[in-house]
Amino acid sequence: MLSRDSVLALMRERVHHPAAMRELLQVLKVPKDDRTAFKRHIKSLVASGDLIQIRGQRFGLPEKMDLYVGRLQTHAAGYGFVSPERPLESGGGTRLKILEAFATGLPVVSTPVGCEGIDGVHGQHLLVAERAQFADAIVQALLDPAAAQERAVRAQELARQQYDWSAVGRRAIEAVACASAAVGRPAAVLNGLAMQTEIPIR
């Protein structure tokens, strides 16, 4: 019989990404007789914060998910901010959470490191502040919601033009076409890929 602690231990050992219940049952090889108890333990672990439930009814360990911990501040205009306990000050790669916020039309306040790799401009698409001035930047956004919303609209357009999958796909095809031309391969092989990018992926 599975216990709550054994379910959590199995999750830590074998589950490395958010997974739906069906996948968990398969990956963890839960016997049919234990599945009702297993599902009850998963719900209990979510309630206690040991597991996180995200979109698509998927479950994962907080330490293995790209999450920010902080306080949510909402505004009457219908948007909100997460004030992180520890703003991002190191790391690499593209900041997908900022692009998600851009795409959904949310105002963004970020550290310089937090928005590295994104073409957003301070004051035009978002507010950028070092950690010492981070709280002041959030207050500035809250005190001037009209300006915050204008930045959010421009950021949403930036996300659509440069970071939508169809835009990324077109740039990828252009890069492959240039590489193909450089080595003398026919560009006709790219036609199928080009057609695929006409369908937005969201």
N, C-alpha and C. Protein backbone atom coordinates (compact mmCIF):
# COMPACT_ATOMS: atom_id res chain seq x y z
N MET A 1 0.85 -1.20 0.00
CA MET A 1 0.00 0.00 0.00
C MET A 1 0.88 1.25 0.00
N LEU A 2 0.62 2.14 -0.95
CA LEU A 2 1.41 3.36 -1.05
C LEU A 2 1.07 4.33 0.07
N SER A 3 2.09 4.95 0.63
CA SER A 3 1.87 6.01 1.62
C SER A 3 2.13 7.36 0.96
N ARG A 4 1.70 8.40 1.63
CA ARG A 4 1.92 9.76 1.12
C ARG A 4 3.42 10.02 0.94
N ASP A 5 4.22 9.65 1.92
CA ASP A 5 5.67 9.88 1.85
C ASP A 5 6.32 9.07 0.74
N SER A 6 5.83 7.84 0.52
CA SER A 6 6.43 7.02 -0.54
C SER A 6 6.09 7.59 -1.92
N VAL A 7 4.89 8.16 -2.06
CA VAL A 7 4.52 8.80 -3.34
C VAL A 7 5.45 9.98 -3.61
N LEU A 8 5.68 10.81 -2.59
CA LEU A 8 6.57 11.96 -2.75
C LEU A 8 7.99 11.51 -3.08
N ALA A 9 8.46 10.46 -2.43
CA ALA A 9 9.80 9.94 -2.70
C ALA A 9 9.91 9.44 -4.14
N LEU A 10 8.88 8.74 -4.61
CA LEU A 10 8.88 8.25 -5.99
C LEU A 10 8.87 9.40 -6.98
N MET A 11 8.09 10.45 -6.69
CA MET A 11 8.06 11.63 -7.56
C MET A 11 9.45 12.25 -7.67
N ARG A 12 10.13 12.37 -6.54
CA ARG A 12 11.46 12.98 -6.55
C ARG A 12 12.47 12.13 -7.31
N GLU A 13 12.29 10.84 -7.26
CA GLU A 13 13.25 9.92 -7.88
C GLU A 13 13.02 9.76 -9.38
N ARG A 14 11.74 9.74 -9.81
CA ARG A 14 11.46 9.33 -11.19
C ARG A 14 10.78 10.37 -12.07
N VAL A 15 10.21 11.41 -11.48
CA VAL A 15 9.46 12.39 -12.28
C VAL A 15 10.28 13.66 -12.38
N HIS A 16 10.66 14.02 -13.61
CA HIS A 16 11.56 15.17 -13.81
C HIS A 16 10.92 16.32 -14.57
N HIS A 17 9.62 16.22 -14.84
CA HIS A 17 8.88 17.30 -15.49
C HIS A 17 7.42 17.19 -15.08
N PRO A 18 6.64 18.27 -15.20
CA PRO A 18 5.22 18.19 -14.85
C PRO A 18 4.53 17.12 -15.70
N ALA A 19 3.75 16.27 -15.06
CA ALA A 19 3.12 15.15 -15.76
C ALA A 19 1.66 15.01 -15.36
N ALA A 20 0.85 14.58 -16.32
CA ALA A 20 -0.57 14.33 -16.05
C ALA A 20 -0.71 13.05 -15.23
N MET A 21 -1.89 12.87 -14.66
CA MET A 21 -2.12 11.71 -13.78
C MET A 21 -1.85 10.40 -14.51
N ARG A 22 -2.29 10.29 -15.75
CA ARG A 22 -2.10 9.04 -16.49
C ARG A 22 -0.61 8.73 -16.64
N GLU A 23 0.19 9.75 -16.96
CA GLU A 23 1.63 9.55 -17.10
C GLU A 23 2.26 9.16 -15.77
N LEU A 24 1.82 9.80 -14.69
CA LEU A 24 2.35 9.46 -13.37
C LEU A 24 2.08 7.99 -13.04
N LEU A 25 0.87 7.56 -13.33
CA LEU A 25 0.52 6.17 -13.04
C LEU A 25 1.41 5.20 -13.82
N GLN A 26 1.76 5.58 -15.05
CA GLN A 26 2.60 4.71 -15.87
C GLN A 26 4.06 4.77 -15.43
N VAL A 27 4.58 5.99 -15.27
CA VAL A 27 5.99 6.16 -14.93
C VAL A 27 6.31 5.55 -13.56
N LEU A 28 5.41 5.74 -12.62
CA LEU A 28 5.64 5.24 -11.27
C LEU A 28 5.15 3.80 -11.09
N LYS A 29 4.56 3.24 -12.15
CA LYS A 29 4.10 1.84 -12.14
C LYS A 29 3.21 1.55 -10.93
N VAL A 30 2.18 2.38 -10.81
CA VAL A 30 1.25 2.24 -9.68
C VAL A 30 0.29 1.09 -9.96
N PRO A 31 0.23 0.10 -9.08
CA PRO A 31 -0.70 -1.01 -9.28
C PRO A 31 -2.15 -0.52 -9.29
N LYS A 32 -3.00 -1.23 -10.01
CA LYS A 32 -4.40 -0.82 -10.13
C LYS A 32 -5.08 -0.70 -8.77
N ASP A 33 -4.75 -1.61 -7.87
CA ASP A 33 -5.39 -1.59 -6.55
C ASP A 33 -5.00 -0.36 -5.72
N ASP A 34 -3.87 0.29 -6.08
CA ASP A 34 -3.38 1.44 -5.31
C ASP A 34 -3.72 2.78 -5.95
N ARG A 35 -4.38 2.76 -7.09
CA ARG A 35 -4.55 4.01 -7.85
C ARG A 35 -5.47 5.02 -7.16
N THR A 36 -6.50 4.56 -6.51
CA THR A 36 -7.38 5.49 -5.80
C THR A 36 -6.62 6.18 -4.67
N ALA A 37 -5.86 5.40 -3.90
CA ALA A 37 -5.06 5.99 -2.82
C ALA A 37 -3.99 6.91 -3.38
N PHE A 38 -3.39 6.53 -4.51
CA PHE A 38 -2.36 7.35 -5.13
C PHE A 38 -2.92 8.72 -5.50
N LYS A 39 -4.08 8.74 -6.14
CA LYS A 39 -4.69 10.01 -6.54
C LYS A 39 -5.02 10.87 -5.32
N ARG A 40 -5.45 10.21 -4.24
CA ARG A 40 -5.74 10.95 -3.00
C ARG A 40 -4.47 11.56 -2.42
N HIS A 41 -3.36 10.81 -2.48
CA HIS A 41 -2.08 11.33 -1.98
C HIS A 41 -1.59 12.50 -2.83
N ILE A 42 -1.78 12.41 -4.14
CA ILE A 42 -1.36 13.52 -5.02
C ILE A 42 -2.12 14.79 -4.65
N LYS A 43 -3.42 14.69 -4.45
CA LYS A 43 -4.21 15.86 -4.06
C LYS A 43 -3.75 16.42 -2.72
N SER A 44 -3.43 15.53 -1.79
CA SER A 44 -2.95 15.96 -0.49
C SER A 44 -1.61 16.67 -0.60
N LEU A 45 -0.72 16.17 -1.46
CA LEU A 45 0.59 16.78 -1.66
C LEU A 45 0.48 18.15 -2.32
N VAL A 46 -0.51 18.30 -3.20
CA VAL A 46 -0.76 19.61 -3.81
C VAL A 46 -1.27 20.59 -2.75
N ALA A 47 -2.18 20.12 -1.91
CA ALA A 47 -2.75 20.98 -0.86
C ALA A 47 -1.69 21.46 0.12
N SER A 48 -0.69 20.62 0.37
CA SER A 48 0.37 20.98 1.33
C SER A 48 1.50 21.78 0.69
N GLY A 49 1.49 21.88 -0.65
CA GLY A 49 2.55 22.62 -1.35
C GLY A 49 3.76 21.77 -1.71
N ASP A 50 3.73 20.47 -1.39
CA ASP A 50 4.85 19.60 -1.76
C ASP A 50 4.87 19.33 -3.25
N LEU A 51 3.70 19.40 -3.89
CA LEU A 51 3.58 19.31 -5.34
C LEU A 51 2.86 20.55 -5.85
N ILE A 52 3.09 20.87 -7.11
CA ILE A 52 2.40 21.99 -7.75
C ILE A 52 1.54 21.43 -8.88
N GLN A 53 0.30 21.92 -8.97
CA GLN A 53 -0.57 21.55 -10.09
C GLN A 53 -0.64 22.72 -11.05
N ILE A 54 -0.36 22.46 -12.33
CA ILE A 54 -0.37 23.53 -13.34
C ILE A 54 -1.40 23.21 -14.41
N ARG A 55 -1.44 24.06 -15.45
CA ARG A 55 -2.39 23.87 -16.54
C ARG A 55 -2.31 22.47 -17.12
N GLY A 56 -3.42 21.99 -17.62
CA GLY A 56 -3.45 20.67 -18.21
C GLY A 56 -3.50 19.56 -17.18
N GLN A 57 -3.88 19.92 -15.94
CA GLN A 57 -3.96 18.92 -14.86
C GLN A 57 -2.66 18.13 -14.74
N ARG A 58 -1.53 18.88 -14.78
CA ARG A 58 -0.21 18.25 -14.62
C ARG A 58 0.35 18.58 -13.25
N PHE A 59 1.14 17.65 -12.75
CA PHE A 59 1.69 17.77 -11.39
C PHE A 59 3.21 17.68 -11.43
N GLY A 60 3.87 18.46 -10.58
CA GLY A 60 5.33 18.43 -10.56
C GLY A 60 5.87 18.91 -9.23
N LEU A 61 7.15 18.68 -9.04
CA LEU A 61 7.84 19.12 -7.83
C LEU A 61 8.26 20.58 -7.98
N PRO A 62 8.02 21.42 -6.98
CA PRO A 62 8.39 22.83 -7.10
C PRO A 62 9.85 23.04 -7.45
N GLU A 63 10.75 22.22 -6.86
CA GLU A 63 12.18 22.41 -7.10
C GLU A 63 12.60 22.04 -8.51
N LYS A 64 11.73 21.35 -9.26
CA LYS A 64 12.06 20.96 -10.63
C LYS A 64 11.30 21.77 -11.66
N MET A 65 10.61 22.82 -11.18
CA MET A 65 9.85 23.67 -12.08
C MET A 65 10.39 25.09 -12.02
N ASP A 66 10.27 25.79 -13.14
CA ASP A 66 10.78 27.16 -13.24
C ASP A 66 9.76 28.12 -12.65
N LEU A 67 9.77 28.24 -11.32
CA LEU A 67 8.76 29.03 -10.63
C LEU A 67 9.39 30.22 -9.91
N TYR A 68 8.58 31.25 -9.74
CA TYR A 68 8.98 32.38 -8.93
C TYR A 68 8.13 32.40 -7.67
N VAL A 69 8.78 32.60 -6.54
CA VAL A 69 8.06 32.70 -5.28
C VAL A 69 7.99 34.17 -4.90
N GLY A 70 6.79 34.62 -4.57
CA GLY A 70 6.65 36.02 -4.21
C GLY A 70 5.22 36.33 -3.82
N ARG A 71 4.90 37.62 -3.76
CA ARG A 71 3.58 38.06 -3.36
C ARG A 71 2.85 38.67 -4.55
N LEU A 72 1.62 38.23 -4.78
CA LEU A 72 0.82 38.74 -5.88
C LEU A 72 0.11 40.01 -5.45
N GLN A 73 0.29 41.06 -6.25
CA GLN A 73 -0.42 42.32 -6.01
C GLN A 73 -1.32 42.56 -7.21
N THR A 74 -2.60 42.67 -6.98
CA THR A 74 -3.55 42.87 -8.08
C THR A 74 -3.98 44.32 -8.16
N HIS A 75 -4.47 44.69 -9.35
CA HIS A 75 -4.93 46.05 -9.59
C HIS A 75 -6.37 46.00 -10.08
N ALA A 76 -7.13 47.02 -9.75
CA ALA A 76 -8.55 47.07 -10.13
C ALA A 76 -8.75 47.03 -11.64
N ALA A 77 -7.74 47.43 -12.41
CA ALA A 77 -7.85 47.44 -13.87
C ALA A 77 -7.78 46.03 -14.46
N GLY A 78 -7.50 45.04 -13.61
CA GLY A 78 -7.54 43.67 -14.10
C GLY A 78 -6.20 43.01 -14.32
N TYR A 79 -5.11 43.61 -13.90
CA TYR A 79 -3.80 42.97 -14.04
C TYR A 79 -3.13 42.93 -12.67
N GLY A 80 -2.01 42.27 -12.61
CA GLY A 80 -1.31 42.16 -11.33
C GLY A 80 0.18 41.99 -11.50
N PHE A 81 0.88 42.02 -10.40
CA PHE A 81 2.32 41.85 -10.37
C PHE A 81 2.69 40.80 -9.34
N VAL A 82 3.72 40.03 -9.64
CA VAL A 82 4.32 39.17 -8.62
C VAL A 82 5.60 39.85 -8.16
N SER A 83 5.66 40.19 -6.88
CA SER A 83 6.87 40.76 -6.31
C SER A 83 7.72 39.60 -5.80
N PRO A 84 8.76 39.21 -6.54
CA PRO A 84 9.53 38.03 -6.14
C PRO A 84 10.31 38.26 -4.85
N GLU A 85 10.43 37.18 -4.07
CA GLU A 85 11.23 37.28 -2.86
C GLU A 85 12.69 37.54 -3.21
N ARG A 86 13.12 36.92 -4.31
CA ARG A 86 14.51 37.11 -4.75
C ARG A 86 14.51 37.35 -6.25
N PRO A 87 14.58 38.60 -6.72
CA PRO A 87 14.62 38.87 -8.16
C PRO A 87 15.78 38.14 -8.82
N LEU A 88 15.57 37.74 -10.08
CA LEU A 88 16.58 37.00 -10.83
C LEU A 88 17.80 37.89 -11.08
N GLU A 89 18.97 37.43 -10.62
CA GLU A 89 20.20 38.20 -10.75
C GLU A 89 21.31 37.43 -11.44
N SER A 90 21.07 36.19 -11.78
CA SER A 90 22.07 35.40 -12.49
C SER A 90 21.36 34.36 -13.33
N GLY A 91 22.09 33.76 -14.27
CA GLY A 91 21.51 32.72 -15.11
C GLY A 91 21.75 33.00 -16.57
N GLY A 92 21.17 32.16 -17.42
CA GLY A 92 21.37 32.31 -18.86
C GLY A 92 20.14 31.85 -19.61
N GLY A 93 20.13 32.07 -20.92
CA GLY A 93 19.02 31.65 -21.75
C GLY A 93 17.98 32.74 -21.91
N THR A 94 16.92 32.40 -22.63
CA THR A 94 15.84 33.35 -22.88
C THR A 94 14.84 33.30 -21.74
N ARG A 95 14.32 34.43 -21.35
CA ARG A 95 13.40 34.53 -20.22
C ARG A 95 11.96 34.29 -20.71
N LEU A 96 11.57 33.03 -20.73
CA LEU A 96 10.27 32.69 -21.30
C LEU A 96 9.11 33.25 -20.49
N LYS A 97 9.28 33.39 -19.17
CA LYS A 97 8.18 33.92 -18.36
C LYS A 97 7.89 35.38 -18.74
N ILE A 98 8.94 36.13 -19.05
CA ILE A 98 8.71 37.52 -19.47
C ILE A 98 7.99 37.54 -20.82
N LEU A 99 8.38 36.67 -21.74
CA LEU A 99 7.70 36.61 -23.03
C LEU A 99 6.24 36.19 -22.85
N GLU A 100 5.96 35.28 -21.92
CA GLU A 100 4.58 34.90 -21.65
C GLU A 100 3.78 36.09 -21.14
N ALA A 101 4.39 36.87 -20.24
CA ALA A 101 3.71 38.06 -19.71
C ALA A 101 3.48 39.08 -20.82
N PHE A 102 4.50 39.27 -21.67
CA PHE A 102 4.33 40.17 -22.83
C PHE A 102 3.14 39.71 -23.68
N ALA A 103 3.13 38.42 -24.01
CA ALA A 103 2.12 37.90 -24.93
C ALA A 103 0.71 38.02 -24.37
N THR A 104 0.57 37.96 -23.06
CA THR A 104 -0.76 38.07 -22.46
C THR A 104 -1.13 39.51 -22.11
N GLY A 105 -0.25 40.46 -22.41
CA GLY A 105 -0.57 41.86 -22.18
C GLY A 105 -0.43 42.31 -20.75
N LEU A 106 0.46 41.67 -19.98
CA LEU A 106 0.68 42.06 -18.59
C LEU A 106 1.85 43.02 -18.48
N PRO A 107 1.74 44.09 -17.68
CA PRO A 107 2.90 44.95 -17.44
C PRO A 107 4.01 44.18 -16.74
N VAL A 108 5.26 44.47 -17.09
CA VAL A 108 6.40 43.72 -16.57
C VAL A 108 7.41 44.66 -15.92
N VAL A 109 7.90 44.24 -14.74
CA VAL A 109 9.04 44.88 -14.09
C VAL A 109 10.10 43.79 -13.94
N SER A 110 11.33 44.07 -14.35
CA SER A 110 12.37 43.04 -14.35
C SER A 110 13.70 43.62 -13.92
N THR A 111 14.59 42.73 -13.44
CA THR A 111 15.99 43.11 -13.27
C THR A 111 16.66 43.07 -14.64
N PRO A 112 17.83 43.69 -14.82
CA PRO A 112 18.53 43.62 -16.10
C PRO A 112 18.82 42.18 -16.53
N VAL A 113 19.24 41.35 -15.58
CA VAL A 113 19.52 39.95 -15.91
C VAL A 113 18.23 39.23 -16.28
N GLY A 114 17.15 39.60 -15.62
CA GLY A 114 15.88 38.92 -15.86
C GLY A 114 15.34 39.08 -17.26
N CYS A 115 15.74 40.12 -17.97
CA CYS A 115 15.22 40.33 -19.34
C CYS A 115 16.32 40.24 -20.39
N GLU A 116 17.46 39.65 -20.02
CA GLU A 116 18.53 39.45 -21.01
C GLU A 116 18.03 38.57 -22.15
N GLY A 117 18.46 38.90 -23.36
CA GLY A 117 18.08 38.09 -24.52
C GLY A 117 16.76 38.47 -25.13
N ILE A 118 16.07 39.46 -24.55
CA ILE A 118 14.79 39.92 -25.08
C ILE A 118 14.95 41.36 -25.55
N ASP A 119 14.34 41.68 -26.68
CA ASP A 119 14.52 43.00 -27.28
C ASP A 119 13.65 44.08 -26.65
N GLY A 120 13.08 43.82 -25.49
CA GLY A 120 12.29 44.84 -24.81
C GLY A 120 13.14 46.00 -24.33
N VAL A 121 12.60 47.20 -24.42
CA VAL A 121 13.32 48.42 -24.06
C VAL A 121 12.72 49.01 -22.79
N HIS A 122 13.60 49.36 -21.85
CA HIS A 122 13.15 49.98 -20.60
C HIS A 122 12.35 51.24 -20.90
N GLY A 123 11.18 51.34 -20.26
CA GLY A 123 10.34 52.51 -20.44
C GLY A 123 9.42 52.41 -21.64
N GLN A 124 9.72 51.52 -22.57
CA GLN A 124 8.88 51.36 -23.75
C GLN A 124 8.05 50.08 -23.67
N HIS A 125 8.69 48.97 -23.28
CA HIS A 125 7.99 47.69 -23.18
C HIS A 125 7.85 47.20 -21.74
N LEU A 126 8.75 47.62 -20.88
CA LEU A 126 8.78 47.17 -19.49
C LEU A 126 9.59 48.15 -18.66
N LEU A 127 9.59 47.97 -17.34
CA LEU A 127 10.48 48.72 -16.47
C LEU A 127 11.60 47.79 -16.03
N VAL A 128 12.84 48.28 -16.12
CA VAL A 128 14.02 47.50 -15.73
C VAL A 128 14.68 48.20 -14.55
N ALA A 129 14.93 47.44 -13.49
CA ALA A 129 15.51 48.04 -12.29
C ALA A 129 16.43 47.04 -11.60
N GLU A 130 17.51 47.55 -11.05
CA GLU A 130 18.38 46.72 -10.22
C GLU A 130 17.63 46.37 -8.94
N ARG A 131 18.15 45.40 -8.22
CA ARG A 131 17.44 44.90 -7.04
C ARG A 131 17.15 46.01 -6.03
N ALA A 132 18.09 46.92 -5.84
CA ALA A 132 17.91 47.98 -4.84
C ALA A 132 16.76 48.91 -5.20
N GLN A 133 16.46 49.05 -6.49
CA GLN A 133 15.38 49.93 -6.94
C GLN A 133 14.14 49.16 -7.40
N PHE A 134 14.15 47.84 -7.20
CA PHE A 134 13.09 46.99 -7.75
C PHE A 134 11.71 47.35 -7.18
N ALA A 135 11.64 47.50 -5.86
CA ALA A 135 10.35 47.83 -5.23
C ALA A 135 9.84 49.18 -5.72
N ASP A 136 10.74 50.15 -5.90
CA ASP A 136 10.33 51.47 -6.39
C ASP A 136 9.75 51.38 -7.79
N ALA A 137 10.34 50.51 -8.62
CA ALA A 137 9.84 50.35 -9.99
C ALA A 137 8.44 49.74 -9.98
N ILE A 138 8.19 48.79 -9.08
CA ILE A 138 6.86 48.19 -8.98
C ILE A 138 5.85 49.23 -8.52
N VAL A 139 6.24 50.05 -7.55
CA VAL A 139 5.34 51.11 -7.07
C VAL A 139 5.05 52.10 -8.19
N GLN A 140 6.07 52.43 -8.98
CA GLN A 140 5.88 53.34 -10.12
C GLN A 140 4.84 52.78 -11.08
N ALA A 141 4.94 51.48 -11.37
CA ALA A 141 3.97 50.86 -12.28
C ALA A 141 2.56 50.87 -11.70
N LEU A 142 2.45 50.63 -10.40
CA LEU A 142 1.13 50.61 -9.77
C LEU A 142 0.50 51.99 -9.69
N LEU A 143 1.34 53.02 -9.49
CA LEU A 143 0.82 54.39 -9.35
C LEU A 143 0.43 55.01 -10.69
N ASP A 144 0.95 54.45 -11.79
CA ASP A 144 0.61 54.98 -13.11
C ASP A 144 0.14 53.82 -14.00
N PRO A 145 -1.07 53.29 -13.73
CA PRO A 145 -1.56 52.13 -14.49
C PRO A 145 -1.72 52.40 -15.98
N ALA A 146 -2.02 53.66 -16.35
CA ALA A 146 -2.19 53.96 -17.78
C ALA A 146 -0.86 53.76 -18.52
N ALA A 147 0.23 54.27 -17.95
CA ALA A 147 1.54 54.09 -18.57
C ALA A 147 1.94 52.62 -18.58
N ALA A 148 1.63 51.91 -17.49
CA ALA A 148 1.94 50.48 -17.42
C ALA A 148 1.21 49.73 -18.52
N GLN A 149 -0.06 50.08 -18.74
CA GLN A 149 -0.84 49.39 -19.76
C GLN A 149 -0.33 49.73 -21.17
N GLU A 150 0.11 50.97 -21.38
CA GLU A 150 0.69 51.34 -22.69
C GLU A 150 1.94 50.52 -22.97
N ARG A 151 2.79 50.35 -21.94
CA ARG A 151 3.99 49.51 -22.12
C ARG A 151 3.59 48.07 -22.43
N ALA A 152 2.56 47.60 -21.74
CA ALA A 152 2.10 46.22 -21.94
C ALA A 152 1.59 46.01 -23.36
N VAL A 153 0.88 46.98 -23.91
CA VAL A 153 0.38 46.87 -25.29
C VAL A 153 1.54 46.81 -26.27
N ARG A 154 2.54 47.68 -26.07
CA ARG A 154 3.70 47.65 -26.96
C ARG A 154 4.47 46.34 -26.82
N ALA A 155 4.57 45.84 -25.58
CA ALA A 155 5.27 44.58 -25.35
C ALA A 155 4.53 43.42 -26.00
N GLN A 156 3.21 43.45 -25.97
CA GLN A 156 2.42 42.39 -26.59
C GLN A 156 2.66 42.37 -28.10
N GLU A 157 2.73 43.55 -28.70
CA GLU A 157 3.00 43.63 -30.13
C GLU A 157 4.41 43.13 -30.45
N LEU A 158 5.37 43.48 -29.59
CA LEU A 158 6.74 42.98 -29.77
C LEU A 158 6.77 41.45 -29.72
N ALA A 159 6.06 40.88 -28.75
CA ALA A 159 6.01 39.42 -28.64
C ALA A 159 5.40 38.80 -29.89
N ARG A 160 4.34 39.42 -30.40
CA ARG A 160 3.68 38.88 -31.59
C ARG A 160 4.59 38.94 -32.81
N GLN A 161 5.28 40.07 -32.98
CA GLN A 161 6.11 40.27 -34.17
C GLN A 161 7.40 39.46 -34.15
N GLN A 162 8.01 39.32 -32.97
CA GLN A 162 9.34 38.71 -32.93
C GLN A 162 9.40 37.35 -32.28
N TYR A 163 8.46 37.02 -31.39
CA TYR A 163 8.60 35.80 -30.60
C TYR A 163 7.46 34.81 -30.78
N ASP A 164 6.44 35.14 -31.57
CA ASP A 164 5.41 34.18 -31.91
C ASP A 164 6.05 33.02 -32.68
N TRP A 165 5.51 31.79 -32.51
CA TRP A 165 6.12 30.63 -33.17
C TRP A 165 6.21 30.81 -34.68
N SER A 166 5.21 31.46 -35.29
CA SER A 166 5.26 31.63 -36.75
C SER A 166 6.41 32.56 -37.14
N ALA A 167 6.67 33.59 -36.32
CA ALA A 167 7.79 34.49 -36.61
C ALA A 167 9.12 33.79 -36.39
N VAL A 168 9.22 33.03 -35.31
CA VAL A 168 10.45 32.27 -35.05
C VAL A 168 10.68 31.25 -36.15
N GLY A 169 9.60 30.60 -36.59
CA GLY A 169 9.71 29.61 -37.66
C GLY A 169 10.22 30.21 -38.96
N ARG A 170 9.72 31.41 -39.31
CA ARG A 170 10.18 32.06 -40.54
C ARG A 170 11.67 32.37 -40.47
N ARG A 171 12.12 32.85 -39.30
CA ARG A 171 13.54 33.16 -39.18
C ARG A 171 14.39 31.89 -39.24
N ALA A 172 13.87 30.81 -38.68
CA ALA A 172 14.61 29.54 -38.73
C ALA A 172 14.72 29.04 -40.17
N ILE A 173 13.64 29.16 -40.92
CA ILE A 173 13.67 28.73 -42.32
C ILE A 173 14.64 29.59 -43.13
N GLU A 174 14.64 30.89 -42.87
CA GLU A 174 15.58 31.77 -43.57
C GLU A 174 17.02 31.36 -43.27
N ALA A 175 17.29 31.02 -42.01
CA ALA A 175 18.65 30.61 -41.63
C ALA A 175 19.04 29.31 -42.32
N VAL A 176 18.09 28.35 -42.37
CA VAL A 176 18.37 27.08 -43.04
C VAL A 176 18.56 27.30 -44.53
N ALA A 177 17.75 28.18 -45.13
CA ALA A 177 17.87 28.47 -46.56
C ALA A 177 19.23 29.07 -46.87
N CYS A 178 19.69 29.99 -46.03
CA CYS A 178 21.02 30.60 -46.24
C CYS A 178 22.11 29.54 -46.12
N ALA A 179 21.97 28.67 -45.12
CA ALA A 179 22.97 27.62 -44.95
C ALA A 179 22.95 26.65 -46.13
N SER A 180 21.74 26.33 -46.62
CA SER A 180 21.63 25.42 -47.77
C SER A 180 22.26 26.03 -49.01
N ALA A 181 22.01 27.32 -49.20
CA ALA A 181 22.58 28.00 -50.36
C ALA A 181 24.11 28.03 -50.27
N ALA A 182 24.62 28.18 -49.05
CA ALA A 182 26.07 28.27 -48.87
C ALA A 182 26.77 26.96 -49.22
N VAL A 183 26.09 25.83 -49.02
CA VAL A 183 26.70 24.54 -49.32
C VAL A 183 26.20 23.96 -50.63
N GLY A 184 25.38 24.74 -51.35
CA GLY A 184 24.95 24.32 -52.68
C GLY A 184 23.80 23.33 -52.70
N ARG A 185 23.06 23.20 -51.61
CA ARG A 185 21.91 22.30 -51.60
C ARG A 185 20.68 23.04 -52.14
N PRO A 186 19.79 22.32 -52.82
CA PRO A 186 18.59 22.98 -53.37
C PRO A 186 17.68 23.49 -52.26
N ALA A 187 17.15 24.69 -52.43
CA ALA A 187 16.27 25.28 -51.43
C ALA A 187 14.87 24.71 -51.48
N ALA A 188 14.55 23.93 -52.54
CA ALA A 188 13.20 23.39 -52.70
C ALA A 188 12.79 22.51 -51.52
N VAL A 189 13.76 21.91 -50.85
CA VAL A 189 13.43 21.02 -49.74
C VAL A 189 12.81 21.79 -48.58
N LEU A 190 12.88 23.12 -48.61
CA LEU A 190 12.35 23.92 -47.51
C LEU A 190 10.89 24.29 -47.69
N ASN A 191 10.31 23.98 -48.86
CA ASN A 191 8.94 24.42 -49.12
C ASN A 191 7.95 23.91 -48.09
N GLY A 192 8.07 22.64 -47.70
CA GLY A 192 7.16 22.08 -46.71
C GLY A 192 7.26 22.79 -45.38
N LEU A 193 8.47 23.12 -44.97
CA LEU A 193 8.66 23.85 -43.72
C LEU A 193 8.05 25.23 -43.80
N ALA A 194 8.23 25.88 -44.96
CA ALA A 194 7.70 27.23 -45.12
C ALA A 194 6.18 27.24 -44.99
N MET A 195 5.54 26.20 -45.53
CA MET A 195 4.09 26.14 -45.43
C MET A 195 3.65 25.97 -43.98
N GLN A 196 4.43 25.22 -43.21
CA GLN A 196 4.04 24.99 -41.82
C GLN A 196 4.05 26.27 -41.00
N THR A 197 4.94 27.19 -41.32
CA THR A 197 5.04 28.40 -40.50
C THR A 197 3.87 29.35 -40.74
N GLU A 198 3.06 29.10 -41.75
CA GLU A 198 1.91 29.96 -41.98
C GLU A 198 0.81 29.69 -40.96
N ILE A 199 0.92 28.60 -40.19
CA ILE A 199 -0.08 28.27 -39.18
C ILE A 199 0.44 28.69 -37.83
N PRO A 200 -0.13 29.71 -37.20
CA PRO A 200 0.36 30.15 -35.88
C PRO A 200 0.26 29.02 -34.86
N ILE A 201 1.30 28.85 -34.09
CA ILE A 201 1.31 27.85 -33.03
C ILE A 201 1.22 28.58 -31.71
N ARG A 202 0.15 28.38 -30.99
CA ARG A 202 -0.04 29.09 -29.71
C ARG A 202 -0.41 28.10 -28.63
